[in-house]
Structures are given as C-alpha cells and as structure tokens.
C-alpha cells in the first residue's frame, strides 16, 4: 500500500490519450497554438505544448467541435516543451 504522501489523491479515473488539439488563452482568444492531450478525466485535462503557460491562466482547449474551458493548475518543464494540468471545473 502506498504511503499517504505518495498515494494518488485523484478520485476520478484518468483516460490516457494522444490527441492533437488547439489551445487559446482566455485573454488572447485568436492566438491558437498546438498541443497534445495526454490524458483527461471528468474534471481535467493534461496537455503537452511548446507554448509557455502560467499557473492560474484561463485557457480554452479546442477539441474537435468541443470547447473545454479551464484554468491552468500546474506547469512542468519538459525537454521539448511543458506538461500542463488544466482543471475544467475552475474555468467556469
């Protein structure tokens, strides 16, 4: 059994995907940039992008005909970009 400090605190199942999407910032709605959704759940989505985003920033993930509005809750630098966690319930 995992120690409490390392246990996964998520209650919703994450679904792994590899889906290309476009993202816009709420403050720059016409500035589209590419990203890849790496997983999602009912309340959030994780993307990989080469664009710099900041914690607390409101974004829109354009996934086909859907528009997922959320707030960046974490950013982690990677070798060729960054992994970004977006909470969808906070963006409403």
C-alpha atoms as a PDB file:
ATOM      1  CA  UNK A   1       0.000   0.000   0.000  1.00  0.00           C
ATOM      2  CA  UNK A   2       1.337   3.447  -0.922  1.00  0.00           C
ATOM      3  CA  UNK A   3       2.287   5.879   1.789  1.00  0.00           C
ATOM      4  CA  UNK A   4      -0.194   8.768   2.188  1.00  0.00           C
ATOM      5  CA  UNK A   5       2.340  11.275   0.835  1.00  0.00           C
ATOM      6  CA  UNK A   6       2.779   9.318  -2.394  1.00  0.00           C
ATOM      7  CA  UNK A   7      -0.736   7.942  -2.858  1.00  0.00           C
ATOM      8  CA  UNK A   8      -2.738   9.166  -5.838  1.00  0.00           C
ATOM      9  CA  UNK A   9      -5.292  11.606  -4.454  1.00  0.00           C
ATOM     10  CA  UNK A  10      -7.432  11.584  -7.593  1.00  0.00           C
ATOM     11  CA  UNK A  11     -10.940  10.203  -7.273  1.00  0.00           C
ATOM     12  CA  UNK A  12     -11.777  10.339 -10.987  1.00  0.00           C
ATOM     13  CA  UNK A  13     -10.308   7.903 -13.483  1.00  0.00           C
ATOM     14  CA  UNK A  14      -7.770   9.337 -15.922  1.00  0.00           C
ATOM     15  CA  UNK A  15      -8.099   8.200 -19.509  1.00  0.00           C
ATOM     16  CA  UNK A  16      -4.821   8.194 -21.457  1.00  0.00           C
ATOM     17  CA  UNK A  17      -4.989   9.625 -24.993  1.00  0.00           C
ATOM     18  CA  UNK A  18      -2.705  11.080 -27.619  1.00  0.00           C
ATOM     19  CA  UNK A  19      -4.878  13.699 -29.327  1.00  0.00           C
ATOM     20  CA  UNK A  20      -3.765  16.837 -31.146  1.00  0.00           C
ATOM     21  CA  UNK A  21      -5.771  19.910 -30.150  1.00  0.00           C
ATOM     22  CA  UNK A  22      -5.527  23.663 -30.366  1.00  0.00           C
ATOM     23  CA  UNK A  23      -5.483  25.883 -27.298  1.00  0.00           C
ATOM     24  CA  UNK A  24      -6.192  29.571 -26.799  1.00  0.00           C
ATOM     25  CA  UNK A  25      -5.730  31.819 -23.808  1.00  0.00           C
ATOM     26  CA  UNK A  26      -8.866  33.491 -22.499  1.00  0.00           C
ATOM     27  CA  UNK A  27      -7.107  36.872 -22.835  1.00  0.00           C
ATOM     28  CA  UNK A  28      -5.964  36.163 -26.431  1.00  0.00           C
ATOM     29  CA  UNK A  29      -8.842  34.237 -27.992  1.00  0.00           C
ATOM     30  CA  UNK A  30      -7.488  34.462 -31.554  1.00  0.00           C
ATOM     31  CA  UNK A  31      -3.962  33.236 -30.721  1.00  0.00           C
ATOM     32  CA  UNK A  32      -4.286  29.499 -31.397  1.00  0.00           C
ATOM     33  CA  UNK A  33      -1.386  27.168 -30.618  1.00  0.00           C
ATOM     34  CA  UNK A  34      -0.873  23.414 -30.912  1.00  0.00           C
ATOM     35  CA  UNK A  35      -0.931  20.997 -28.007  1.00  0.00           C
ATOM     36  CA  UNK A  36      -1.408  17.283 -27.385  1.00  0.00           C
ATOM     37  CA  UNK A  37      -3.847  15.929 -24.827  1.00  0.00           C
ATOM     38  CA  UNK A  38      -2.055  13.159 -22.926  1.00  0.00           C
ATOM     39  CA  UNK A  39      -4.890  12.260 -20.551  1.00  0.00           C
ATOM     40  CA  UNK A  40      -8.220  13.529 -19.288  1.00  0.00           C
ATOM     41  CA  UNK A  41     -10.894  12.952 -16.684  1.00  0.00           C
ATOM     42  CA  UNK A  42     -14.299  14.399 -15.964  1.00  0.00           C
ATOM     43  CA  UNK A  43     -12.745  17.407 -14.223  1.00  0.00           C
ATOM     44  CA  UNK A  44      -9.463  17.982 -16.008  1.00  0.00           C
ATOM     45  CA  UNK A  45      -7.109  17.510 -18.885  1.00  0.00           C
ATOM     46  CA  UNK A  46      -3.338  17.228 -19.171  1.00  0.00           C
ATOM     47  CA  UNK A  47      -1.647  18.612 -22.264  1.00  0.00           C
ATOM     48  CA  UNK A  48       1.847  18.853 -23.676  1.00  0.00           C
ATOM     49  CA  UNK A  49       2.746  22.049 -25.536  1.00  0.00           C
ATOM     50  CA  UNK A  50       5.744  24.088 -26.599  1.00  0.00           C
ATOM     51  CA  UNK A  51       3.971  27.296 -25.574  1.00  0.00           C
ATOM     52  CA  UNK A  52       4.682  28.823 -22.169  1.00  0.00           C
ATOM     53  CA  UNK A  53       1.618  28.918 -19.919  1.00  0.00           C
ATOM     54  CA  UNK A  54       1.294  30.136 -16.339  1.00  0.00           C
ATOM     55  CA  UNK A  55      -0.453  28.694 -13.317  1.00  0.00           C
ATOM     56  CA  UNK A  56      -3.796  30.449 -12.829  1.00  0.00           C
ATOM     57  CA  UNK A  57      -4.183  31.298 -16.514  1.00  0.00           C
ATOM     58  CA  UNK A  58      -7.581  30.626 -18.099  1.00  0.00           C
ATOM     59  CA  UNK A  59      -7.450  28.634 -21.332  1.00  0.00           C
ATOM     60  CA  UNK A  60      -9.759  27.030 -23.883  1.00  0.00           C
ATOM     61  CA  UNK A  61      -8.904  23.597 -25.305  1.00  0.00           C
ATOM     62  CA  UNK A  62     -10.434  23.255 -28.792  1.00  0.00           C
ATOM     63  CA  UNK A  63     -11.080  19.501 -29.080  1.00  0.00           C
ATOM     64  CA  UNK A  64     -12.960  18.864 -32.333  1.00  0.00           C
ATOM     65  CA  UNK A  65     -16.276  20.682 -32.023  1.00  0.00           C
ATOM     66  CA  UNK A  66     -15.939  20.913 -28.231  1.00  0.00           C
ATOM     67  CA  UNK A  67     -14.545  23.856 -26.304  1.00  0.00           C
ATOM     68  CA  UNK A  68     -13.175  22.894 -22.875  1.00  0.00           C
ATOM     69  CA  UNK A  69     -12.740  25.948 -20.657  1.00  0.00           C
ATOM     70  CA  UNK A  70     -10.390  25.622 -17.728  1.00  0.00           C
ATOM     71  CA  UNK A  71      -7.662  27.032 -15.544  1.00  0.00           C
ATOM     72  CA  UNK A  72      -4.014  26.004 -15.539  1.00  0.00           C
ATOM     73  CA  UNK A  73      -3.254  24.384 -12.170  1.00  0.00           C
ATOM     74  CA  UNK A  74       0.325  23.267 -12.804  1.00  0.00           C
ATOM     75  CA  UNK A  75       3.099  23.552 -15.374  1.00  0.00           C
ATOM     76  CA  UNK A  76       6.132  21.295 -15.547  1.00  0.00           C
ATOM     77  CA  UNK A  77       9.042  21.967 -17.904  1.00  0.00           C
ATOM     78  CA  UNK A  78       9.997  19.078 -20.157  1.00  0.00           C
ATOM     79  CA  UNK A  79      12.875  18.671 -22.601  1.00  0.00           C
ATOM     80  CA  UNK A  80      10.944  19.955 -25.633  1.00  0.00           C
ATOM     81  CA  UNK A  81       8.099  21.888 -24.038  1.00  0.00           C
ATOM     82  CA  UNK A  82       5.897  21.667 -20.986  1.00  0.00           C
ATOM     83  CA  UNK A  83       3.261  19.467 -19.421  1.00  0.00           C
ATOM     84  CA  UNK A  84       0.261  21.460 -18.254  1.00  0.00           C
ATOM     85  CA  UNK A  85      -2.595  20.394 -15.984  1.00  0.00           C
ATOM     86  CA  UNK A  86      -5.912  22.140 -16.617  1.00  0.00           C
ATOM     87  CA  UNK A  87      -8.821  21.993 -14.179  1.00  0.00           C
ATOM     88  CA  UNK A  88     -12.041  22.218 -16.157  1.00  0.00           C
ATOM     89  CA  UNK A  89     -14.332  22.871 -13.188  1.00  0.00           C
ATOM     90  CA  UNK A  90     -12.376  26.009 -12.215  1.00  0.00           C
ATOM     91  CA  UNK A  91     -12.728  27.610 -15.639  1.00  0.00           C
ATOM     92  CA  UNK A  92     -16.483  28.080 -15.465  1.00  0.00           C
END
